[in-house]
N, C-alpha and C. Protein backbone atom coordinates (compact mmCIF):
# COMPACT_ATOMS: atom_id res chain seq x y z
N MET A 1 -79.05 -82.80 -3.67
CA MET A 1 -78.91 -84.13 -4.22
C MET A 1 -80.08 -84.97 -3.72
N ASN A 2 -80.74 -85.67 -4.65
CA ASN A 2 -81.85 -86.51 -4.21
C ASN A 2 -81.33 -87.83 -3.64
N LYS A 3 -82.22 -88.57 -3.02
CA LYS A 3 -81.83 -89.78 -2.30
C LYS A 3 -81.23 -90.83 -3.23
N SER A 4 -81.80 -90.99 -4.40
CA SER A 4 -81.30 -91.97 -5.36
C SER A 4 -79.87 -91.63 -5.81
N ASP A 5 -79.63 -90.36 -6.11
CA ASP A 5 -78.28 -89.92 -6.50
C ASP A 5 -77.29 -90.12 -5.35
N ALA A 6 -77.75 -89.86 -4.14
CA ALA A 6 -76.89 -90.03 -2.96
C ALA A 6 -76.54 -91.50 -2.77
N GLU A 7 -77.51 -92.39 -2.95
CA GLU A 7 -77.24 -93.83 -2.83
C GLU A 7 -76.22 -94.27 -3.87
N THR A 8 -76.37 -93.78 -5.10
CA THR A 8 -75.42 -94.11 -6.16
C THR A 8 -74.03 -93.61 -5.81
N LEU A 9 -73.94 -92.39 -5.32
CA LEU A 9 -72.66 -91.82 -4.93
C LEU A 9 -72.00 -92.64 -3.82
N VAL A 10 -72.77 -93.02 -2.82
CA VAL A 10 -72.24 -93.81 -1.71
C VAL A 10 -71.74 -95.16 -2.22
N ARG A 11 -72.51 -95.81 -3.09
CA ARG A 11 -72.09 -97.11 -3.65
C ARG A 11 -70.80 -96.97 -4.46
N GLU A 12 -70.68 -95.89 -5.23
CA GLU A 12 -69.47 -95.66 -6.02
C GLU A 12 -68.26 -95.45 -5.11
N CYS A 13 -68.44 -94.71 -4.05
CA CYS A 13 -67.34 -94.48 -3.11
C CYS A 13 -66.95 -95.77 -2.40
N LEU A 14 -67.95 -96.55 -1.99
CA LEU A 14 -67.67 -97.83 -1.37
C LEU A 14 -66.91 -98.74 -2.33
N GLN A 15 -67.29 -98.71 -3.60
CA GLN A 15 -66.63 -99.54 -4.60
C GLN A 15 -65.16 -99.17 -4.74
N ARG A 16 -64.87 -97.88 -4.64
CA ARG A 16 -63.48 -97.42 -4.72
C ARG A 16 -62.68 -97.83 -3.48
N VAL A 17 -63.35 -97.85 -2.33
CA VAL A 17 -62.69 -98.26 -1.09
C VAL A 17 -62.42 -99.77 -1.08
N ASN A 18 -63.38 -100.54 -1.57
CA ASN A 18 -63.25 -101.99 -1.62
C ASN A 18 -63.65 -102.50 -3.00
N PRO A 19 -62.73 -102.51 -3.94
CA PRO A 19 -63.06 -102.92 -5.30
C PRO A 19 -63.38 -104.41 -5.45
N ASN A 20 -63.15 -105.21 -4.41
CA ASN A 20 -63.42 -106.65 -4.48
C ASN A 20 -64.88 -107.00 -4.21
N THR A 21 -65.69 -106.02 -3.86
CA THR A 21 -67.11 -106.25 -3.57
C THR A 21 -67.95 -105.49 -4.57
N ASP A 22 -69.01 -106.12 -5.07
CA ASP A 22 -69.95 -105.44 -5.95
C ASP A 22 -71.03 -104.81 -5.08
N PHE A 23 -70.90 -103.52 -4.81
CA PHE A 23 -71.83 -102.85 -3.91
C PHE A 23 -73.20 -102.62 -4.52
N ASN A 24 -73.35 -102.89 -5.82
CA ASN A 24 -74.68 -102.82 -6.42
C ASN A 24 -75.55 -103.98 -5.98
N THR A 25 -74.93 -105.02 -5.43
CA THR A 25 -75.69 -106.19 -4.96
C THR A 25 -75.89 -106.16 -3.44
N VAL A 26 -75.36 -105.16 -2.77
CA VAL A 26 -75.48 -105.04 -1.32
C VAL A 26 -76.71 -104.21 -0.98
N SER A 27 -77.56 -104.73 -0.13
CA SER A 27 -78.77 -104.03 0.30
C SER A 27 -78.42 -102.75 1.05
N ASN A 28 -79.30 -101.77 0.97
CA ASN A 28 -79.10 -100.51 1.70
C ASN A 28 -79.05 -100.72 3.21
N GLU A 29 -79.64 -101.79 3.71
CA GLU A 29 -79.70 -102.04 5.14
C GLU A 29 -78.65 -103.02 5.64
N THR A 30 -77.83 -103.56 4.76
CA THR A 30 -76.80 -104.52 5.15
C THR A 30 -75.69 -103.81 5.92
N SER A 31 -75.33 -104.36 7.06
CA SER A 31 -74.27 -103.77 7.88
C SER A 31 -72.93 -103.92 7.17
N LEU A 32 -72.30 -102.79 6.90
CA LEU A 32 -71.04 -102.77 6.15
C LEU A 32 -69.87 -103.28 6.97
N LEU A 33 -69.79 -102.87 8.21
CA LEU A 33 -68.68 -103.27 9.08
C LEU A 33 -68.86 -104.71 9.60
N GLU A 34 -70.05 -105.04 10.05
CA GLU A 34 -70.29 -106.38 10.59
C GLU A 34 -70.07 -107.46 9.53
N ASN A 35 -70.43 -107.16 8.29
CA ASN A 35 -70.25 -108.12 7.20
C ASN A 35 -68.90 -107.98 6.52
N ARG A 36 -68.07 -107.12 7.07
CA ARG A 36 -66.69 -106.92 6.60
C ARG A 36 -66.60 -106.47 5.14
N PHE A 37 -67.59 -105.69 4.70
CA PHE A 37 -67.51 -105.08 3.38
C PHE A 37 -66.49 -103.94 3.39
N ILE A 38 -66.35 -103.30 4.56
CA ILE A 38 -65.30 -102.31 4.78
C ILE A 38 -64.77 -102.51 6.20
N THR A 39 -63.55 -102.08 6.40
CA THR A 39 -62.95 -102.15 7.74
C THR A 39 -63.04 -100.79 8.40
N SER A 40 -62.74 -100.76 9.68
CA SER A 40 -62.77 -99.48 10.39
C SER A 40 -61.74 -98.52 9.81
N PHE A 41 -60.63 -99.04 9.31
CA PHE A 41 -59.63 -98.18 8.69
C PHE A 41 -60.14 -97.60 7.37
N GLN A 42 -60.91 -98.38 6.63
CA GLN A 42 -61.44 -97.92 5.34
C GLN A 42 -62.52 -96.86 5.50
N VAL A 43 -63.10 -96.76 6.69
CA VAL A 43 -64.10 -95.71 6.94
C VAL A 43 -63.49 -94.34 6.69
N LEU A 44 -62.24 -94.16 7.07
CA LEU A 44 -61.57 -92.87 6.83
C LEU A 44 -61.44 -92.58 5.35
N ASP A 45 -61.05 -93.58 4.57
CA ASP A 45 -60.98 -93.40 3.12
C ASP A 45 -62.35 -93.09 2.55
N LEU A 46 -63.36 -93.79 3.04
CA LEU A 46 -64.73 -93.55 2.58
C LEU A 46 -65.16 -92.13 2.88
N LEU A 47 -64.87 -91.66 4.08
CA LEU A 47 -65.21 -90.29 4.47
C LEU A 47 -64.61 -89.27 3.51
N LEU A 48 -63.34 -89.43 3.20
CA LEU A 48 -62.67 -88.51 2.27
C LEU A 48 -63.27 -88.60 0.88
N LEU A 49 -63.55 -89.79 0.40
CA LEU A 49 -64.15 -89.95 -0.92
C LEU A 49 -65.55 -89.35 -0.99
N LEU A 50 -66.32 -89.51 0.07
CA LEU A 50 -67.67 -88.92 0.11
C LEU A 50 -67.59 -87.40 0.01
N GLU A 51 -66.66 -86.82 0.74
CA GLU A 51 -66.49 -85.36 0.68
C GLU A 51 -66.04 -84.92 -0.71
N GLN A 52 -65.04 -85.58 -1.26
CA GLN A 52 -64.51 -85.19 -2.56
C GLN A 52 -65.54 -85.39 -3.67
N SER A 53 -66.24 -86.50 -3.65
CA SER A 53 -67.20 -86.82 -4.70
C SER A 53 -68.44 -85.94 -4.67
N SER A 54 -68.87 -85.59 -3.47
CA SER A 54 -70.10 -84.80 -3.34
C SER A 54 -69.82 -83.30 -3.38
N GLY A 55 -68.58 -82.91 -3.05
CA GLY A 55 -68.26 -81.49 -2.95
C GLY A 55 -68.79 -80.87 -1.67
N ASN A 56 -69.28 -81.71 -0.77
CA ASN A 56 -69.81 -81.24 0.52
C ASN A 56 -68.86 -81.62 1.63
N ARG A 57 -68.66 -80.70 2.55
CA ARG A 57 -67.83 -80.98 3.72
C ARG A 57 -68.66 -81.73 4.74
N ILE A 58 -68.09 -82.75 5.33
CA ILE A 58 -68.73 -83.49 6.41
C ILE A 58 -68.15 -82.96 7.71
N THR A 59 -69.02 -82.50 8.57
CA THR A 59 -68.58 -81.87 9.80
C THR A 59 -68.41 -82.90 10.92
N ALA A 60 -67.65 -82.52 11.93
CA ALA A 60 -67.43 -83.39 13.08
C ALA A 60 -68.75 -83.71 13.78
N GLN A 61 -69.69 -82.77 13.75
CA GLN A 61 -70.99 -82.99 14.40
C GLN A 61 -71.79 -84.10 13.70
N GLN A 62 -71.51 -84.35 12.44
CA GLN A 62 -72.20 -85.41 11.70
C GLN A 62 -71.59 -86.78 11.96
N LEU A 63 -70.40 -86.83 12.51
CA LEU A 63 -69.71 -88.09 12.74
C LEU A 63 -70.08 -88.66 14.10
N LEU A 64 -71.19 -89.33 14.11
CA LEU A 64 -71.70 -89.95 15.32
C LEU A 64 -71.56 -91.46 15.23
N PRO A 65 -71.52 -92.14 16.36
CA PRO A 65 -71.43 -93.60 16.32
C PRO A 65 -72.55 -94.20 15.47
N GLY A 66 -72.18 -95.10 14.58
CA GLY A 66 -73.16 -95.77 13.74
C GLY A 66 -73.42 -95.10 12.42
N CYS A 67 -72.82 -93.96 12.14
CA CYS A 67 -73.11 -93.23 10.90
C CYS A 67 -72.62 -93.93 9.64
N PHE A 68 -71.79 -94.95 9.80
CA PHE A 68 -71.31 -95.71 8.65
C PHE A 68 -71.83 -97.15 8.69
N LYS A 69 -72.93 -97.35 9.40
CA LYS A 69 -73.46 -98.70 9.59
C LYS A 69 -73.85 -99.36 8.27
N ASN A 70 -74.61 -98.64 7.46
CA ASN A 70 -75.03 -99.19 6.18
C ASN A 70 -75.27 -98.04 5.19
N ILE A 71 -75.58 -98.39 3.97
CA ILE A 71 -75.75 -97.38 2.92
C ILE A 71 -76.88 -96.42 3.26
N ALA A 72 -78.00 -96.93 3.74
CA ALA A 72 -79.14 -96.07 4.07
C ALA A 72 -78.77 -95.05 5.15
N VAL A 73 -78.04 -95.48 6.17
CA VAL A 73 -77.65 -94.57 7.24
C VAL A 73 -76.66 -93.53 6.74
N ILE A 74 -75.73 -93.94 5.89
CA ILE A 74 -74.77 -92.99 5.32
C ILE A 74 -75.50 -91.92 4.53
N VAL A 75 -76.44 -92.33 3.69
CA VAL A 75 -77.22 -91.37 2.89
C VAL A 75 -77.98 -90.43 3.80
N ASN A 76 -78.67 -90.98 4.79
CA ASN A 76 -79.46 -90.14 5.69
C ASN A 76 -78.60 -89.23 6.57
N SER A 77 -77.40 -89.69 6.89
CA SER A 77 -76.52 -88.91 7.77
C SER A 77 -75.86 -87.75 7.06
N PHE A 78 -75.54 -87.93 5.78
CA PHE A 78 -74.71 -86.94 5.11
C PHE A 78 -75.32 -86.29 3.87
N PHE A 79 -76.43 -86.85 3.33
CA PHE A 79 -76.91 -86.36 2.05
C PHE A 79 -78.40 -86.04 1.98
N THR A 80 -79.09 -85.98 3.09
CA THR A 80 -80.50 -85.62 3.05
C THR A 80 -80.72 -84.33 3.81
N LEU A 81 -81.86 -83.73 3.59
CA LEU A 81 -82.19 -82.49 4.30
C LEU A 81 -82.25 -82.70 5.80
N GLU A 82 -82.56 -83.94 6.19
CA GLU A 82 -82.67 -84.24 7.61
C GLU A 82 -81.32 -84.58 8.23
N ALA A 83 -80.24 -84.55 7.44
CA ALA A 83 -78.94 -85.00 7.91
C ALA A 83 -78.53 -84.36 9.23
N GLU A 84 -78.83 -83.09 9.42
CA GLU A 84 -78.44 -82.43 10.65
C GLU A 84 -79.22 -82.91 11.85
N ASP A 85 -80.39 -83.53 11.60
CA ASP A 85 -81.23 -83.98 12.70
C ASP A 85 -81.11 -85.47 12.97
N VAL A 86 -80.35 -86.20 12.15
CA VAL A 86 -80.25 -87.64 12.28
C VAL A 86 -79.27 -88.00 13.39
N PHE A 87 -79.71 -88.88 14.26
CA PHE A 87 -78.83 -89.43 15.26
C PHE A 87 -78.60 -90.88 14.88
N CYS A 88 -77.36 -91.22 14.64
CA CYS A 88 -77.01 -92.51 14.07
C CYS A 88 -76.82 -93.59 15.12
N ARG A 89 -76.97 -93.26 16.34
CA ARG A 89 -76.72 -94.24 17.39
C ARG A 89 -77.71 -95.41 17.26
N GLU A 90 -77.21 -96.57 17.61
CA GLU A 90 -78.05 -97.77 17.54
C GLU A 90 -78.90 -97.89 18.78
């Protein structure tokens, strides 16, 4: 999956988790949790939707602190070739 497709997928999943926000207007670098676009509880729903929508399993090793910080980090953490090498810590 290329980066653009991954960004679209992440935005679609976020939209399903929080239908009250238009994620097409949210910057890739905007903090999702700090700006309350999603809650910590919704991260679990997002994780499941990302797996189901992409058909890819997300491993425990990929779940590092900060991996759901923003759209760009989510894409880099779970949908790029470098995903296994990305450390999401701030």
